Amino acid sequence: MGELWILIPAPFMGYFVIDHFRKLFSDDPNFVREVFKSQPVTMVAAATALGAAIVWGLSEVGQRFVGILF
C-alpha cells in the first residue's frame, strides 16, 4: 500500500514529460493525443512507468533534503 502514492500521480507526470520531449521532435501539439487515441494501453503503460520513476526520484530527493534540514 505504500507504493500507491507513487502510482497515483505517475500517469499524469509521465504524460507531461512525454509531451515535453515531443516538442523536440514534432511541432504538432496534438501528436501525443493522436498516439494516445491509436494506442491507449501502450501510452498509459509508458506514461505510468516513466512517471513512476520520476515521482520516486523526486520523493527520494525530497526525503534526503528534509533529512538534511532536520
PDB file of N, CA and C in Angstrom:
ATOM      1  N   MET A   1       0.816  -1.193   0.000  1.00  0.00           N
ATOM      2  CA  MET A   1       0.000   0.000   0.000  1.00  0.00           C
ATOM      3  C   MET A   1       0.860   1.257   0.000  1.00  0.00           C
ATOM      4  N   GLY A   2       2.095   1.149   0.423  1.00  0.00           N
ATOM      5  CA  GLY A   2       2.974   2.305   0.466  1.00  0.00           C
ATOM      6  C   GLY A   2       3.369   2.817  -0.910  1.00  0.00           C
ATOM      7  N   GLU A   3       3.317   1.973  -1.931  1.00  0.00           N
ATOM      8  CA  GLU A   3       3.686   2.376  -3.285  1.00  0.00           C
ATOM      9  C   GLU A   3       2.552   3.067  -4.017  1.00  0.00           C
ATOM     10  N   LEU A   4       1.376   3.104  -3.421  1.00  0.00           N
ATOM     11  CA  LEU A   4       0.223   3.707  -4.085  1.00  0.00           C
ATOM     12  C   LEU A   4       0.424   5.199  -4.316  1.00  0.00           C
ATOM     13  N   TRP A   5       1.131   5.876  -3.421  1.00  0.00           N
ATOM     14  CA  TRP A   5       1.370   7.312  -3.588  1.00  0.00           C
ATOM     15  C   TRP A   5       2.260   7.590  -4.788  1.00  0.00           C
ATOM     16  N   ILE A   6       3.012   6.589  -5.251  1.00  0.00           N
ATOM     17  CA  ILE A   6       3.818   6.748  -6.462  1.00  0.00           C
ATOM     18  C   ILE A   6       2.959   6.517  -7.701  1.00  0.00           C
ATOM     19  N   LEU A   7       2.084   5.521  -7.654  1.00  0.00           N
ATOM     20  CA  LEU A   7       1.329   5.139  -8.844  1.00  0.00           C
ATOM     21  C   LEU A   7       0.164   6.062  -9.166  1.00  0.00           C
ATOM     22  N   ILE A   8      -0.356   6.783  -8.196  1.00  0.00           N
ATOM     23  CA  ILE A   8      -1.498   7.667  -8.482  1.00  0.00           C
ATOM     24  C   ILE A   8      -1.074   8.850  -9.361  1.00  0.00           C
ATOM     25  N   PRO A   9      -0.021   9.599  -9.038  1.00  0.00           N
ATOM     26  CA  PRO A   9       0.346  10.721  -9.921  1.00  0.00           C
ATOM     27  C   PRO A   9       1.220  10.318 -11.112  1.00  0.00           C
ATOM     28  N   ALA A  10       1.666   9.064 -11.170  1.00  0.00           N
ATOM     29  CA  ALA A  10       2.617   8.641 -12.194  1.00  0.00           C
ATOM     30  C   ALA A  10       2.125   8.833 -13.628  1.00  0.00           C
ATOM     31  N   PRO A  11       0.901   8.428 -13.990  1.00  0.00           N
ATOM     32  CA  PRO A  11       0.489   8.623 -15.392  1.00  0.00           C
ATOM     33  C   PRO A  11       0.438  10.094 -15.802  1.00  0.00           C
ATOM     34  N   PHE A  12       0.038  10.959 -14.891  1.00  0.00           N
ATOM     35  CA  PHE A  12      -0.038  12.385 -15.215  1.00  0.00           C
ATOM     36  C   PHE A  12       1.357  12.974 -15.400  1.00  0.00           C
ATOM     37  N   MET A  13       2.270  12.633 -14.498  1.00  0.00           N
ATOM     38  CA  MET A  13       3.642  13.118 -14.613  1.00  0.00           C
ATOM     39  C   MET A  13       4.282  12.577 -15.888  1.00  0.00           C
ATOM     40  N   GLY A  14       4.047  11.309 -16.171  1.00  0.00           N
ATOM     41  CA  GLY A  14       4.592  10.711 -17.392  1.00  0.00           C
ATOM     42  C   GLY A  14       4.065  11.371 -18.645  1.00  0.00           C
ATOM     43  N   TYR A  15       2.771  11.692 -18.658  1.00  0.00           N
ATOM     44  CA  TYR A  15       2.181  12.362 -19.823  1.00  0.00           C
ATOM     45  C   TYR A  15       2.835  13.719 -20.054  1.00  0.00           C
ATOM     46  N   PHE A  16       3.046  14.479 -18.981  1.00  0.00           N
ATOM     47  CA  PHE A  16       3.660  15.796 -19.129  1.00  0.00           C
ATOM     48  C   PHE A  16       5.108  15.693 -19.602  1.00  0.00           C
ATOM     49  N   VAL A  17       5.829  14.686 -19.133  1.00  0.00           N
ATOM     50  CA  VAL A  17       7.215  14.506 -19.573  1.00  0.00           C
ATOM     51  C   VAL A  17       7.252  14.084 -21.040  1.00  0.00           C
ATOM     52  N   ILE A  18       6.382  13.156 -21.426  1.00  0.00           N
ATOM     53  CA  ILE A  18       6.328  12.725 -22.828  1.00  0.00           C
ATOM     54  C   ILE A  18       5.964  13.902 -23.725  1.00  0.00           C
ATOM     55  N   ASP A  19       5.006  14.708 -23.307  1.00  0.00           N
ATOM     56  CA  ASP A  19       4.611  15.864 -24.108  1.00  0.00           C
ATOM     57  C   ASP A  19       5.733  16.894 -24.185  1.00  0.00           C
ATOM     58  N   HIS A  20       6.492  17.041 -23.107  1.00  0.00           N
ATOM     59  CA  HIS A  20       7.616  17.980 -23.123  1.00  0.00           C
ATOM     60  C   HIS A  20       8.677  17.526 -24.129  1.00  0.00           C
ATOM     61  N   PHE A  21       9.016  16.238 -24.136  1.00  0.00           N
ATOM     62  CA  PHE A  21      10.018  15.736 -25.066  1.00  0.00           C
ATOM     63  C   PHE A  21       9.492  15.671 -26.492  1.00  0.00           C
ATOM     64  N   ARG A  22       8.181  15.619 -26.669  1.00  0.00           N
ATOM     65  CA  ARG A  22       7.587  15.647 -28.004  1.00  0.00           C
ATOM     66  C   ARG A  22       7.954  16.933 -28.721  1.00  0.00           C
ATOM     67  N   LYS A  23       8.082  18.013 -27.985  1.00  0.00           N
ATOM     68  CA  LYS A  23       8.390  19.316 -28.576  1.00  0.00           C
ATOM     69  C   LYS A  23       9.759  19.324 -29.258  1.00  0.00           C
ATOM     70  N   LEU A  24      10.646  18.422 -28.871  1.00  0.00           N
ATOM     71  CA  LEU A  24      11.953  18.331 -29.516  1.00  0.00           C
ATOM     72  C   LEU A  24      11.862  17.729 -30.909  1.00  0.00           C
ATOM     73  N   PHE A  25      10.856  16.867 -31.146  1.00  0.00           N
ATOM     74  CA  PHE A  25      10.783  16.104 -32.385  1.00  0.00           C
ATOM     75  C   PHE A  25       9.617  16.477 -33.285  1.00  0.00           C
ATOM     76  N   SER A  26       8.594  17.133 -32.756  1.00  0.00           N
ATOM     77  CA  SER A  26       7.400  17.425 -33.538  1.00  0.00           C
ATOM     78  C   SER A  26       6.819  18.771 -33.118  1.00  0.00           C
ATOM     79  N   ASP A  27       6.333  19.496 -34.110  1.00  0.00           N
ATOM     80  CA  ASP A  27       5.680  20.776 -33.829  1.00  0.00           C
ATOM     81  C   ASP A  27       4.178  20.624 -33.659  1.00  0.00           C
ATOM     82  N   ASP A  28       3.667  19.427 -33.882  1.00  0.00           N
ATOM     83  CA  ASP A  28       2.227  19.177 -33.784  1.00  0.00           C
ATOM     84  C   ASP A  28       1.824  19.073 -32.312  1.00  0.00           C
ATOM     85  N   PRO A  29       1.018  20.007 -31.793  1.00  0.00           N
ATOM     86  CA  PRO A  29       0.634  19.953 -30.375  1.00  0.00           C
ATOM     87  C   PRO A  29      -0.312  18.801 -30.042  1.00  0.00           C
ATOM     88  N   ASN A  30      -0.935  18.188 -31.038  1.00  0.00           N
ATOM     89  CA  ASN A  30      -1.873  17.085 -30.801  1.00  0.00           C
ATOM     90  C   ASN A  30      -1.250  15.720 -31.048  1.00  0.00           C
ATOM     91  N   PHE A  31       0.059  15.664 -31.250  1.00  0.00           N
ATOM     92  CA  PHE A  31       0.707  14.397 -31.576  1.00  0.00           C
ATOM     93  C   PHE A  31       0.539  13.352 -30.476  1.00  0.00           C
ATOM     94  N   VAL A  32       0.752  13.750 -29.239  1.00  0.00           N
ATOM     95  CA  VAL A  32       0.640  12.800 -28.123  1.00  0.00           C
ATOM     96  C   VAL A  32      -0.803  12.322 -27.981  1.00  0.00           C
ATOM     97  N   ARG A  33      -1.757  13.204 -28.177  1.00  0.00           N
ATOM     98  CA  ARG A  33      -3.169  12.812 -28.105  1.00  0.00           C
ATOM     99  C   ARG A  33      -3.531  11.836 -29.215  1.00  0.00           C
ATOM    100  N   GLU A  34      -2.989  12.049 -30.423  1.00  0.00           N
ATOM    101  CA  GLU A  34      -3.259  11.138 -31.533  1.00  0.00           C
ATOM    102  C   GLU A  34      -2.685   9.754 -31.254  1.00  0.00           C
ATOM    103  N   VAL A  35      -1.473   9.709 -30.722  1.00  0.00           N
ATOM    104  CA  VAL A  35      -0.875   8.420 -30.370  1.00  0.00           C
ATOM    105  C   VAL A  35      -1.674   7.766 -29.249  1.00  0.00           C
ATOM    106  N   PHE A  36      -2.136   8.562 -28.292  1.00  0.00           N
ATOM    107  CA  PHE A  36      -2.944   8.021 -27.200  1.00  0.00           C
ATOM    108  C   PHE A  36      -4.248   7.422 -27.726  1.00  0.00           C
ATOM    109  N   LYS A  37      -4.872   8.077 -28.712  1.00  0.00           N
ATOM    110  CA  LYS A  37      -6.115   7.547 -29.278  1.00  0.00           C
ATOM    111  C   LYS A  37      -5.881   6.254 -30.041  1.00  0.00           C
ATOM    112  N   SER A  38      -4.746   6.136 -30.721  1.00  0.00           N
ATOM    113  CA  SER A  38      -4.486   4.932 -31.507  1.00  0.00           C
ATOM    114  C   SER A  38      -3.920   3.790 -30.663  1.00  0.00           C
ATOM    115  N   GLN A  39      -3.201   4.101 -29.589  1.00  0.00           N
ATOM    116  CA  GLN A  39      -2.583   3.070 -28.742  1.00  0.00           C
ATOM    117  C   GLN A  39      -2.747   3.436 -27.266  1.00  0.00           C
ATOM    118  N   PRO A  40      -3.969   3.373 -26.743  1.00  0.00           N
ATOM    119  CA  PRO A  40      -4.186   3.849 -25.367  1.00  0.00           C
ATOM    120  C   PRO A  40      -3.474   3.018 -24.301  1.00  0.00           C
ATOM    121  N   VAL A  41      -3.455   1.702 -24.460  1.00  0.00           N
ATOM    122  CA  VAL A  41      -2.838   0.852 -23.432  1.00  0.00           C
ATOM    123  C   VAL A  41      -1.332   1.084 -23.386  1.00  0.00           C
ATOM    124  N   THR A  42      -0.720   1.183 -24.547  1.00  0.00           N
ATOM    125  CA  THR A  42       0.722   1.418 -24.608  1.00  0.00           C
ATOM    126  C   THR A  42       1.088   2.773 -24.017  1.00  0.00           C
ATOM    127  N   MET A  43       0.309   3.790 -24.341  1.00  0.00           N
ATOM    128  CA  MET A  43       0.597   5.130 -23.818  1.00  0.00           C
ATOM    129  C   MET A  43       0.414   5.203 -22.305  1.00  0.00           C
ATOM    130  N   VAL A  44      -0.635   4.575 -21.791  1.00  0.00           N
ATOM    131  CA  VAL A  44      -0.848   4.588 -20.338  1.00  0.00           C
ATOM    132  C   VAL A  44       0.280   3.837 -19.639  1.00  0.00           C
ATOM    133  N   ALA A  45       0.689   2.691 -20.201  1.00  0.00           N
ATOM    134  CA  ALA A  45       1.776   1.922 -19.597  1.00  0.00           C
ATOM    135  C   ALA A  45       3.089   2.702 -19.632  1.00  0.00           C
ATOM    136  N   ALA A  46       3.379   3.330 -20.766  1.00  0.00           N
ATOM    137  CA  ALA A  46       4.620   4.100 -20.885  1.00  0.00           C
ATOM    138  C   ALA A  46       4.607   5.311 -19.959  1.00  0.00           C
ATOM    139  N   ALA A  47       3.488   6.021 -19.920  1.00  0.00           N
ATOM    140  CA  ALA A  47       3.398   7.199 -19.058  1.00  0.00           C
ATOM    141  C   ALA A  47       3.491   6.809 -17.588  1.00  0.00           C
ATOM    142  N   THR A  48       2.866   5.697 -17.212  1.00  0.00           N
ATOM    143  CA  THR A  48       2.915   5.248 -15.820  1.00  0.00           C
ATOM    144  C   THR A  48       4.328   4.835 -15.426  1.00  0.00           C
ATOM    145  N   ALA A  49       5.008   4.091 -16.298  1.00  0.00           N
ATOM    146  CA  ALA A  49       6.368   3.651 -15.985  1.00  0.00           C
ATOM    147  C   ALA A  49       7.320   4.839 -15.870  1.00  0.00           C
ATOM    148  N   LEU A  50       7.252   5.738 -16.830  1.00  0.00           N
ATOM    149  CA  LEU A  50       8.125   6.908 -16.804  1.00  0.00           C
ATOM    150  C   LEU A  50       7.792   7.819 -15.627  1.00  0.00           C
ATOM    151  N   GLY A  51       6.516   8.059 -15.417  1.00  0.00           N
ATOM    152  CA  GLY A  51       6.092   8.922 -14.318  1.00  0.00           C
ATOM    153  C   GLY A  51       6.431   8.345 -12.961  1.00  0.00           C
ATOM    154  N   ALA A  52       6.308   7.026 -12.806  1.00  0.00           N
ATOM    155  CA  ALA A  52       6.630   6.395 -11.523  1.00  0.00           C
ATOM    156  C   ALA A  52       8.110   6.564 -11.194  1.00  0.00           C
ATOM    157  N   ALA A  53       8.963   6.422 -12.198  1.00  0.00           N
ATOM    158  CA  ALA A  53      10.395   6.606 -11.960  1.00  0.00           C
ATOM    159  C   ALA A  53      10.700   8.046 -11.555  1.00  0.00           C
ATOM    160  N   ILE A  54      10.039   8.994 -12.194  1.00  0.00           N
ATOM    161  CA  ILE A  54      10.283  10.407 -11.877  1.00  0.00           C
ATOM    162  C   ILE A  54       9.738  10.763 -10.498  1.00  0.00           C
ATOM    163  N   VAL A  55       8.520  10.313 -10.202  1.00  0.00           N
ATOM    164  CA  VAL A  55       7.929  10.602  -8.884  1.00  0.00           C
ATOM    165  C   VAL A  55       8.765   9.966  -7.783  1.00  0.00           C
ATOM    166  N   TRP A  56       9.223   8.746  -7.989  1.00  0.00           N
ATOM    167  CA  TRP A  56      10.055   8.075  -6.992  1.00  0.00           C
ATOM    168  C   TRP A  56      11.363   8.844  -6.790  1.00  0.00           C
ATOM    169  N   GLY A  57      11.993   9.264  -7.892  1.00  0.00           N
ATOM    170  CA  GLY A  57      13.238  10.021  -7.786  1.00  0.00           C
ATOM    171  C   GLY A  57      13.053  11.338  -7.058  1.00  0.00           C
ATOM    172  N   LEU A  58      11.979  12.043  -7.384  1.00  0.00           N
ATOM    173  CA  LEU A  58      11.705  13.308  -6.697  1.00  0.00           C
ATOM    174  C   LEU A  58      11.421  13.095  -5.214  1.00  0.00           C
ATOM    175  N   SER A  59      10.752  11.998  -4.885  1.00  0.00           N
ATOM    176  CA  SER A  59      10.463  11.736  -3.473  1.00  0.00           C
ATOM    177  C   SER A  59      11.738  11.401  -2.704  1.00  0.00           C
ATOM    178  N   GLU A  60      12.656  10.683  -3.350  1.00  0.00           N
ATOM    179  CA  GLU A  60      13.927  10.371  -2.692  1.00  0.00           C
ATOM    180  C   GLU A  60      14.731  11.640  -2.435  1.00  0.00           C
ATOM    181  N   VAL A  61      14.775  12.514  -3.417  1.00  0.00           N
ATOM    182  CA  VAL A  61      15.489  13.782  -3.247  1.00  0.00           C
ATOM    183  C   VAL A  61      14.834  14.605  -2.143  1.00  0.00           C
ATOM    184  N   GLY A  62      13.507  14.652  -2.138  1.00  0.00           N
ATOM    185  CA  GLY A  62      12.791  15.403  -1.108  1.00  0.00           C
ATOM    186  C   GLY A  62      13.025  14.849   0.282  1.00  0.00           C
ATOM    187  N   GLN A  63      13.031  13.521   0.409  1.00  0.00           N
ATOM    188  CA  GLN A  63      13.264  12.914   1.719  1.00  0.00           C
ATOM    189  C   GLN A  63      14.674  13.198   2.212  1.00  0.00           C
ATOM    190  N   ARG A  64      15.653  13.153   1.328  1.00  0.00           N
ATOM    191  CA  ARG A  64      17.030  13.442   1.736  1.00  0.00           C
ATOM    192  C   ARG A  64      17.192  14.918   2.101  1.00  0.00           C
ATOM    193  N   PHE A  65      16.506  15.793   1.354  1.00  0.00           N
ATOM    194  CA  PHE A  65      16.574  17.221   1.657  1.00  0.00           C
ATOM    195  C   PHE A  65      15.962  17.509   3.021  1.00  0.00           C
ATOM    196  N   VAL A  66      14.819  16.893   3.313  1.00  0.00           N
ATOM    197  CA  VAL A  66      14.186  17.083   4.619  1.00  0.00           C
ATOM    198  C   VAL A  66      15.071  16.497   5.716  1.00  0.00           C
ATOM    199  N   GLY A  67      15.720  15.364   5.433  1.00  0.00           N
ATOM    200  CA  GLY A  67      16.626  14.767   6.406  1.00  0.00           C
ATOM    201  C   GLY A  67      17.822  15.650   6.715  1.00  0.00           C
ATOM    202  N   ILE A  68      18.281  16.399   5.722  1.00  0.00           N
ATOM    203  CA  ILE A  68      19.397  17.320   5.940  1.00  0.00           C
ATOM    204  C   ILE A  68      18.949  18.500   6.805  1.00  0.00           C
ATOM    205  N   LEU A  69      17.731  18.975   6.557  1.00  0.00           N
ATOM    206  CA  LEU A  69      17.239  20.131   7.304  1.00  0.00           C
ATOM    207  C   LEU A  69      16.958  19.812   8.763  1.00  0.00           C
ATOM    208  N   PHE A  70      16.463  18.613   9.017  1.00  0.00           N
ATOM    209  CA  PHE A  70      16.067  18.283  10.391  1.00  0.00           C
ATOM    210  C   PHE A  70      16.989  17.244  10.935  1.00  0.00           C
TER     211      PHE A  70
END
